[in-house]
Amino acid sequence: MDLLNTLVEKGLRRELPSREEALAVLTTSDDDLLEVVAAAGKVRRQWFGRRVKLNYLVNLKSGLCPEDCSYCSQRLGSEAGILKYTWLKPDEASKAAAAGVAGGAKRVCLVASGRGPTDRDVDRVSKTIGAIKEQNADVEVCACLGLLSDGQAERLKAAGADAYNHNLNTSESTYGDITTTHTYADRVETVRHAQGAGLSACSGLIAGMGESDADLVDVVFALRALDPDSVPVNFLIPVEGTPLAGEWNLTPQRALRILAMVRFVCPDVEVRLAGGREVHLRTMQPLALHLVNSIFLGDYLTTEGQEGKADLDMIADAGFEVEGAGTATLPEHRSGGGCASACAPSDSAASDSAPSDSASSAGAEASSARTDLVTVRRRGAGTDLAPNA
């Protein structure tokens, strides 16, 4: 297929594809799916070999968020029956993180619900980072605390944080349909705060919220321009009690096409398979390892993932290997300022044009609801039960 040959060549050169090419990936047929995966897999292996980086989430503070993000079970007014608790103490968080590290995680992601941290919250998280680093000096720590104010990213960096996560989630044009209590521009500003402080930026998206193909391409192109080091791709987990509980728009095949598109647009970036992979990819999860080079191990913030041992078995059975602590995740050229300064520009003027009107809606491939696969987390952080790692 000429399209895939072109995308592979551009990916190996770190060249941005055109919007039309990215849209075309999302509209390929199921008959061509394995060819799409194989093509994107060539780009993945060029920059990351067969390594898979493991990341582990620790939910420092769960529920009671004042923001109204429609996809989130911790949102204002949520009726989801999730765990709700205030800040974990540093030793509690460190103990939870240690379980993930023992399971093979190279990065621990410290997440707290809320609009953004107060200065006292930054102090609290700084102590937690210190406790984790004292136990596991080599582990990477990524903070995810919401919108940052001036100086907070610098304080987290000084405390030992390696990265900061703040997702764009969806396209700028549809962001107001998902969240009204803050703006898309607020999110972009926070990612830039993190980058300006010398933190490795982590920013991604959520697919499956009813967006169009054009919306998906828009947000991924915006991420490419923002140039984070890692791009988590979440698939909406429709939790009962949230406004998007009825959104079941993804099939395993569509989820794979979305991951392939992200890999072609962000060829040398850590693409992380994040929340919702068990719900939407199901038995096709191993194929996704040919597209991504990073996954979350075990459970998520408020819902359960598959068992940690199953994650490790899946990686080994698919012929991949867990990335060790002493191995650099990113290609060497990204250590000096990222892809934005090194990648060739697109050869198409369409990169700045409006999305194609012919983009198909995500709902066209809607699958049946699999509510049986959505389980609220009742173990790990905030409970007396052992974590899943």
Protein backbone atom coordinates (compact mmCIF):
# COMPACT_ATOMS: atom_id res chain seq x y z
CA MET A 1 0.00 0.00 0.00
CA ASP A 2 1.56 3.29 -1.12
CA LEU A 3 0.17 5.16 1.90
CA LEU A 4 1.90 2.87 4.37
CA ASN A 5 5.20 2.90 2.48
CA THR A 6 5.13 6.69 2.53
CA LEU A 7 4.32 6.79 6.26
CA VAL A 8 7.11 4.36 7.10
CA GLU A 9 9.63 6.40 5.13
CA LYS A 10 8.53 9.59 6.87
CA GLY A 11 8.58 7.91 10.27
CA LEU A 12 12.12 6.67 9.80
CA ARG A 13 13.13 10.25 8.89
CA ARG A 14 11.11 11.76 11.75
CA GLU A 15 9.13 13.70 9.20
CA LEU A 16 5.60 14.88 9.92
CA PRO A 17 2.97 13.23 7.70
CA SER A 18 0.22 15.32 6.18
CA ARG A 19 -3.18 15.50 7.84
CA GLU A 20 -4.67 13.63 4.91
CA GLU A 21 -2.24 10.77 5.46
CA ALA A 22 -3.02 10.65 9.18
CA LEU A 23 -6.76 10.65 8.47
CA ALA A 24 -6.27 7.88 5.93
CA VAL A 25 -4.76 5.60 8.58
CA LEU A 26 -7.96 5.91 10.62
CA THR A 27 -10.13 4.99 7.64
CA THR A 28 -8.24 1.89 6.52
CA SER A 29 -10.30 -1.28 6.45
CA ASP A 30 -10.13 -4.21 8.84
CA ASP A 31 -8.77 -6.25 5.93
CA ASP A 32 -5.69 -3.99 5.93
CA LEU A 33 -5.28 -3.83 9.72
CA LEU A 34 -2.30 -6.17 9.99
CA GLU A 35 -0.51 -4.26 7.25
CA VAL A 36 -1.09 -1.02 9.16
CA VAL A 37 0.24 -2.56 12.39
CA ALA A 38 3.27 -4.00 10.58
CA ALA A 39 4.09 -0.66 8.97
CA ALA A 40 3.84 1.32 12.21
CA GLY A 41 5.79 -1.47 13.89
CA LYS A 42 8.75 -0.78 11.63
CA VAL A 43 8.81 2.82 12.87
CA ARG A 44 8.46 1.72 16.49
CA ARG A 45 11.35 -0.74 16.22
CA GLN A 46 13.57 1.81 14.47
CA TRP A 47 13.49 4.10 17.53
CA PHE A 48 12.74 1.73 20.42
CA GLY A 49 13.67 -1.79 19.38
CA ARG A 50 11.58 -4.38 21.19
CA ARG A 51 11.71 -2.66 24.58
CA VAL A 52 8.58 -1.95 26.63
CA LYS A 53 8.78 0.61 29.42
CA LEU A 54 6.60 -0.11 32.46
CA ASN A 55 4.92 2.71 34.40
CA TYR A 56 3.02 2.48 37.67
CA LEU A 57 0.25 4.80 38.91
CA VAL A 58 -0.14 5.88 42.54
CA ASN A 59 -3.33 7.83 43.22
CA LEU A 60 -2.26 10.22 45.99
CA LYS A 61 -5.72 11.78 46.46
CA SER A 62 -8.87 10.27 45.04
CA GLY A 63 -12.21 11.87 44.21
CA LEU A 64 -13.79 15.17 45.28
CA CYS A 65 -12.40 17.14 42.34
CA PRO A 66 -13.97 20.59 41.66
CA GLU A 67 -13.49 20.27 37.87
CA ASP A 68 -16.26 18.95 35.60
CA CYS A 69 -14.33 16.80 33.09
CA SER A 70 -17.03 14.57 31.62
CA TYR A 71 -14.81 11.50 31.26
CA CYS A 72 -13.61 11.45 34.87
CA SER A 73 -15.05 9.42 37.74
CA GLN A 74 -13.49 11.89 40.21
CA ARG A 75 -15.26 14.93 38.72
CA LEU A 76 -17.53 17.41 40.41
CA GLY A 77 -20.92 15.76 40.89
CA SER A 78 -19.71 12.27 40.01
CA GLU A 79 -22.03 9.49 41.12
CA ALA A 80 -19.43 6.80 40.45
CA GLY A 81 -18.82 4.51 43.41
CA ILE A 82 -15.07 5.04 43.50
CA LEU A 83 -12.64 5.18 46.40
CA LYS A 84 -12.48 8.66 47.94
CA TYR A 85 -9.65 9.69 50.23
CA THR A 86 -7.45 12.65 50.97
CA TRP A 87 -3.66 12.85 50.56
CA LEU A 88 -1.64 9.71 51.20
CA LYS A 89 1.25 10.25 53.61
CA PRO A 90 4.74 10.06 52.05
CA ASP A 91 5.45 6.64 53.57
CA GLU A 92 2.11 5.28 52.31
CA ALA A 93 2.78 6.55 48.80
CA SER A 94 6.34 5.25 48.88
CA LYS A 95 5.10 1.81 49.90
CA ALA A 96 2.62 1.79 47.02
CA ALA A 97 5.32 2.92 44.58
CA ALA A 98 7.68 0.20 45.79
CA ALA A 99 5.13 -2.44 44.77
CA GLY A 100 5.18 -1.11 41.23
CA VAL A 101 8.97 -0.96 41.09
CA ALA A 102 9.16 -4.53 42.39
CA GLY A 103 6.85 -5.52 39.52
CA GLY A 104 9.24 -4.04 36.97
CA ALA A 105 8.08 -0.43 36.71
CA LYS A 106 10.75 2.05 35.65
CA ARG A 107 8.57 5.12 36.26
CA VAL A 108 6.15 5.91 39.08
CA CYS A 109 3.38 8.40 38.28
CA LEU A 110 2.07 10.34 41.28
CA VAL A 111 -1.45 11.60 40.55
CA ALA A 112 -3.78 13.74 42.63
CA SER A 113 -7.31 14.87 41.84
CA GLY A 114 -8.04 18.59 41.80
CA ARG A 115 -7.77 21.67 39.63
CA GLY A 116 -4.15 22.18 40.57
CA PRO A 117 -1.87 22.04 43.60
CA THR A 118 -1.55 24.67 46.31
CA ASP A 119 1.95 25.52 47.48
CA ARG A 120 1.29 23.31 50.49
CA ASP A 121 0.35 20.47 48.14
CA VAL A 122 3.64 20.92 46.28
CA ASP A 123 5.47 20.66 49.61
CA ARG A 124 3.53 17.48 50.37
CA VAL A 125 4.33 15.91 47.01
CA SER A 126 7.96 16.99 47.27
CA LYS A 127 8.28 15.00 50.50
CA THR A 128 6.66 12.02 48.79
CA ILE A 129 9.12 12.24 45.90
CA GLY A 130 11.99 12.30 48.39
CA ALA A 131 10.65 9.23 50.19
CA ILE A 132 10.33 7.31 46.92
CA LYS A 133 13.79 8.30 45.69
CA GLU A 134 15.31 7.34 49.04
CA GLN A 135 13.95 3.82 48.62
CA ASN A 136 14.53 3.51 44.87
CA ALA A 137 17.13 6.02 43.70
CA ASP A 138 16.95 4.99 40.04
CA VAL A 139 13.19 5.15 39.62
CA GLU A 140 11.74 7.95 37.48
CA VAL A 141 9.03 10.00 39.18
CA CYS A 142 6.35 11.78 37.18
CA ALA A 143 3.91 14.13 38.93
CA CYS A 144 0.37 14.75 37.69
CA LEU A 145 -1.29 17.34 39.89
CA GLY A 146 -3.37 19.42 37.50
CA LEU A 147 -2.78 23.00 36.41
CA LEU A 148 0.52 24.49 37.59
CA SER A 149 1.10 28.04 38.81
CA ASP A 150 4.31 29.98 38.29
CA GLY A 151 7.25 28.43 40.09
CA GLN A 152 5.57 25.14 41.01
CA ALA A 153 7.19 23.12 38.23
CA GLU A 154 10.61 24.41 39.34
CA ARG A 155 9.91 23.32 42.91
CA LEU A 156 8.90 19.83 41.79
CA LYS A 157 12.06 19.61 39.70
CA ALA A 158 14.17 20.65 42.68
CA ALA A 159 12.46 17.99 44.79
CA GLY A 160 13.59 15.29 42.38
CA ALA A 161 10.68 14.94 39.96
CA ASP A 162 11.77 13.78 36.52
CA ALA A 163 8.60 14.46 34.56
CA TYR A 164 5.19 16.11 34.65
CA ASN A 165 2.00 14.80 33.05
CA HIS A 166 -0.86 16.96 31.83
CA ASN A 167 -2.91 15.64 28.92
CA LEU A 168 -4.56 17.71 26.19
CA ASN A 169 -7.20 14.95 26.00
CA THR A 170 -9.08 16.10 22.90
CA SER A 171 -8.99 18.69 20.14
CA GLU A 172 -9.11 22.39 20.92
CA SER A 173 -12.32 22.83 18.94
CA THR A 174 -14.22 20.24 21.00
CA TYR A 175 -12.57 20.78 24.39
CA GLY A 176 -15.44 22.93 25.67
CA ASP A 177 -17.84 20.04 25.07
CA ILE A 178 -15.86 17.88 27.52
CA THR A 179 -14.83 20.38 30.22
CA THR A 180 -16.09 23.86 31.13
CA THR A 181 -14.19 24.65 34.35
CA HIS A 182 -10.86 25.22 32.61
CA THR A 183 -9.68 25.62 29.02
CA TYR A 184 -7.56 23.83 26.47
CA ALA A 185 -5.17 26.79 26.62
CA ASP A 186 -4.78 26.24 30.39
CA ARG A 187 -3.59 22.72 29.68
CA VAL A 188 -1.11 23.81 27.03
CA GLU A 189 0.28 26.43 29.42
CA THR A 190 0.88 23.82 32.13
CA VAL A 191 2.80 21.56 29.75
CA ARG A 192 4.96 24.53 28.81
CA HIS A 193 5.52 25.35 32.49
CA ALA A 194 6.86 21.81 32.94
CA GLN A 195 9.11 22.04 29.91
CA GLY A 196 10.41 25.43 31.00
CA ALA A 197 11.41 23.99 34.36
CA GLY A 198 13.42 21.21 32.73
CA LEU A 199 10.91 18.47 33.48
CA SER A 200 10.27 15.82 30.85
CA ALA A 201 6.81 16.65 29.51
CA CYS A 202 4.18 13.93 29.27
CA SER A 203 0.96 14.81 27.47
CA GLY A 204 -1.55 12.70 25.60
CA LEU A 205 -5.18 12.12 24.71
CA ILE A 206 -8.34 10.20 25.43
CA ALA A 207 -10.00 8.44 22.50
CA GLY A 208 -13.55 7.14 22.45
CA MET A 209 -15.42 10.20 23.77
CA GLY A 210 -17.49 10.56 20.60
CA GLU A 211 -14.89 12.59 18.72
CA SER A 212 -14.42 12.48 14.95
CA ASP A 213 -11.36 11.30 13.06
CA ALA A 214 -10.53 14.95 12.43
CA ASP A 215 -10.59 15.65 16.18
CA LEU A 216 -8.15 12.80 16.81
CA VAL A 217 -5.79 14.05 14.13
CA ASP A 218 -6.07 17.60 15.48
CA VAL A 219 -5.06 16.66 19.02
CA VAL A 220 -2.22 14.39 17.90
CA PHE A 221 -0.84 17.09 15.60
CA ALA A 222 -1.13 19.57 18.48
CA LEU A 223 0.85 17.17 20.66
CA ARG A 224 3.49 16.83 17.96
CA ALA A 225 3.82 20.64 17.92
CA LEU A 226 3.97 20.80 21.73
CA ASP A 227 6.70 18.15 21.61
CA PRO A 228 6.34 16.16 24.85
CA ASP A 229 8.73 13.29 25.45
CA SER A 230 5.89 10.86 26.11
CA VAL A 231 2.35 10.64 24.72
CA PRO A 232 -0.09 8.48 26.70
CA VAL A 233 -3.00 7.21 24.63
CA ASN A 234 -6.02 6.54 26.84
CA PHE A 235 -9.20 4.85 25.67
CA LEU A 236 -12.25 6.10 27.53
CA ILE A 237 -13.33 3.85 30.38
CA PRO A 238 -17.09 4.56 30.52
CA VAL A 239 -17.62 4.47 34.30
CA GLU A 240 -21.20 4.38 35.53
CA GLY A 241 -22.08 7.66 37.22
CA THR A 242 -20.19 9.86 34.74
CA PRO A 243 -21.69 11.80 31.80
CA LEU A 244 -19.86 9.63 29.26
CA ALA A 245 -20.92 6.29 30.76
CA GLY A 246 -22.88 5.49 27.59
CA GLU A 247 -20.03 6.17 25.16
CA TRP A 248 -18.95 2.81 23.74
CA ASN A 249 -17.49 3.95 20.42
CA LEU A 250 -14.39 1.80 20.07
CA THR A 251 -13.61 -1.59 18.61
CA PRO A 252 -10.24 -3.31 19.07
CA GLN A 253 -9.53 -2.64 15.40
CA ARG A 254 -10.22 1.09 15.71
CA ALA A 255 -8.10 1.32 18.84
CA LEU A 256 -5.18 -0.21 16.95
CA ARG A 257 -5.62 2.22 14.05
CA ILE A 258 -5.57 5.14 16.49
CA LEU A 259 -2.33 3.88 18.04
CA ALA A 260 -0.79 3.42 14.60
CA MET A 261 -1.72 6.98 13.63
CA VAL A 262 -0.13 8.33 16.79
CA ARG A 263 3.05 6.38 16.08
CA PHE A 264 3.29 7.74 12.53
CA VAL A 265 2.78 11.33 13.72
CA CYS A 266 5.06 10.96 16.76
CA PRO A 267 7.60 8.40 15.53
CA ASP A 268 10.41 8.87 18.06
CA VAL A 269 8.32 9.73 21.12
CA GLU A 270 7.47 7.37 23.98
CA VAL A 271 3.94 6.34 23.03
CA ARG A 272 2.29 4.85 26.09
CA LEU A 273 -0.71 2.54 26.01
CA ALA A 274 -2.66 3.83 29.00
CA GLY A 275 -6.13 3.54 30.53
CA GLY A 276 -8.79 1.46 28.85
CA ARG A 277 -6.60 -0.99 26.95
CA GLU A 278 -8.14 -4.01 28.66
CA VAL A 279 -11.68 -2.73 28.05
CA HIS A 280 -11.30 -1.89 24.36
CA LEU A 281 -8.37 -3.90 22.97
CA ARG A 282 -9.15 -6.99 25.02
CA THR A 283 -7.50 -10.08 23.45
CA MET A 284 -5.79 -7.89 20.86
CA GLN A 285 -3.60 -6.11 23.42
CA PRO A 286 -0.43 -7.94 22.30
CA LEU A 287 -0.75 -6.44 18.80
CA ALA A 288 -0.60 -2.99 20.36
CA LEU A 289 2.94 -3.69 21.60
CA HIS A 290 4.06 -3.42 17.98
CA LEU A 291 2.85 0.20 18.05
CA VAL A 292 3.60 1.49 21.55
CA ASN A 293 6.80 1.22 23.57
CA SER A 294 5.34 1.90 27.00
CA ILE A 295 2.38 0.69 29.11
CA PHE A 296 0.96 1.08 32.59
CA LEU A 297 1.46 -1.89 34.85
CA GLY A 298 -1.47 -3.10 36.95
CA ASP A 299 -4.32 -0.84 38.06
CA TYR A 300 -5.31 2.70 37.09
CA LEU A 301 -6.49 5.59 39.25
CA THR A 302 -10.05 4.50 40.06
CA THR A 303 -10.47 1.32 38.00
CA GLU A 304 -8.67 -2.01 37.92
CA GLY A 305 -6.39 -3.20 35.14
CA GLN A 306 -5.38 -6.75 34.38
CA GLU A 307 -3.05 -8.48 36.80
CA GLY A 308 0.55 -7.31 36.76
CA LYS A 309 1.80 -10.82 36.05
CA ALA A 310 -0.51 -11.01 33.04
CA ASP A 311 1.07 -7.79 31.72
CA LEU A 312 4.55 -9.27 32.06
CA ASP A 313 3.51 -12.58 30.47
CA MET A 314 1.91 -10.70 27.56
CA ILE A 315 5.12 -8.77 26.91
CA ALA A 316 7.27 -11.91 26.99
CA ASP A 317 4.86 -14.00 24.91
CA ALA A 318 4.71 -11.29 22.22
CA GLY A 319 8.50 -11.37 21.90
CA PHE A 320 9.21 -8.06 23.65
CA GLU A 321 11.33 -7.29 26.70
CA VAL A 322 10.85 -5.06 29.72
CA GLU A 323 13.06 -1.98 29.54
CA GLY A 324 15.64 -1.91 32.31
CA ALA A 325 16.38 0.99 34.64
CA GLY A 326 19.79 1.53 33.07
CA THR A 327 18.47 1.86 29.52
CA ALA A 328 17.58 5.25 28.07
CA THR A 329 14.00 5.25 26.89
CA LEU A 330 14.26 7.96 24.24
CA PRO A 331 16.54 7.99 21.18
CA GLU A 332 19.76 9.92 21.73
CA HIS A 333 18.77 12.81 19.46
CA ARG A 334 15.80 13.68 21.72
CA SER A 335 17.99 14.36 24.74
CA GLY A 336 19.03 17.69 23.25
CA GLY A 337 15.72 19.48 22.89
CA GLY A 338 13.35 16.94 21.41
CA CYS A 339 12.04 16.35 17.96
CA ALA A 340 10.88 19.89 17.26
CA SER A 341 14.42 21.07 16.60
CA ALA A 342 15.49 18.06 14.55
CA CYS A 343 12.56 16.77 12.53
CA ALA A 344 12.09 17.69 8.92
CA PRO A 345 8.93 19.69 8.26
CA SER A 346 6.01 18.20 6.40
CA ASP A 347 6.20 18.36 2.64
CA SER A 348 2.49 19.17 2.52
CA ALA A 349 0.93 22.59 2.90
CA ALA A 350 -2.11 20.76 4.23
CA SER A 351 -0.50 20.48 7.67
CA ASP A 352 -1.98 23.86 8.56
CA SER A 353 -5.25 23.48 6.75
CA ALA A 354 -8.66 22.66 8.13
CA PRO A 355 -9.46 18.98 8.79
CA SER A 356 -10.95 17.00 5.95
CA ASP A 357 -14.73 17.10 5.78
CA SER A 358 -14.68 13.47 4.74
CA ALA A 359 -13.34 12.30 8.11
CA SER A 360 -15.56 9.57 9.45
CA SER A 361 -17.08 9.71 12.91
CA ALA A 362 -15.72 7.45 15.62
CA GLY A 363 -19.27 6.33 16.30
CA ALA A 364 -19.43 4.58 12.95
CA GLU A 365 -17.59 1.63 14.43
CA ALA A 366 -19.35 1.58 17.80
CA SER A 367 -18.98 -1.70 19.65
CA SER A 368 -21.33 -3.22 22.20
CA ALA A 369 -21.01 -2.05 25.78
CA ARG A 370 -18.67 -4.22 27.87
CA THR A 371 -19.58 -2.99 31.32
CA ASP A 372 -18.38 -6.33 32.70
CA LEU A 373 -14.82 -5.21 31.97
CA VAL A 374 -15.07 -2.00 34.02
CA THR A 375 -14.23 -2.70 37.66
CA VAL A 376 -13.81 0.02 40.28
CA ARG A 377 -10.47 -0.24 42.07
CA ARG A 378 -10.82 -1.57 45.62
CA ARG A 379 -7.20 -2.45 46.29
CA GLY A 380 -3.86 -0.67 46.57
CA ALA A 381 -3.54 3.02 47.45
CA GLY A 382 -6.23 4.19 49.86
CA THR A 383 -7.10 0.65 51.00
CA ASP A 384 -5.67 -2.02 53.28
CA LEU A 385 -5.38 -4.51 50.41
CA ALA A 386 -2.20 -5.29 48.49
CA PRO A 387 -1.78 -3.36 45.22
CA ASN A 388 -1.85 -4.99 41.82
CA ALA A 389 1.65 -4.84 40.36
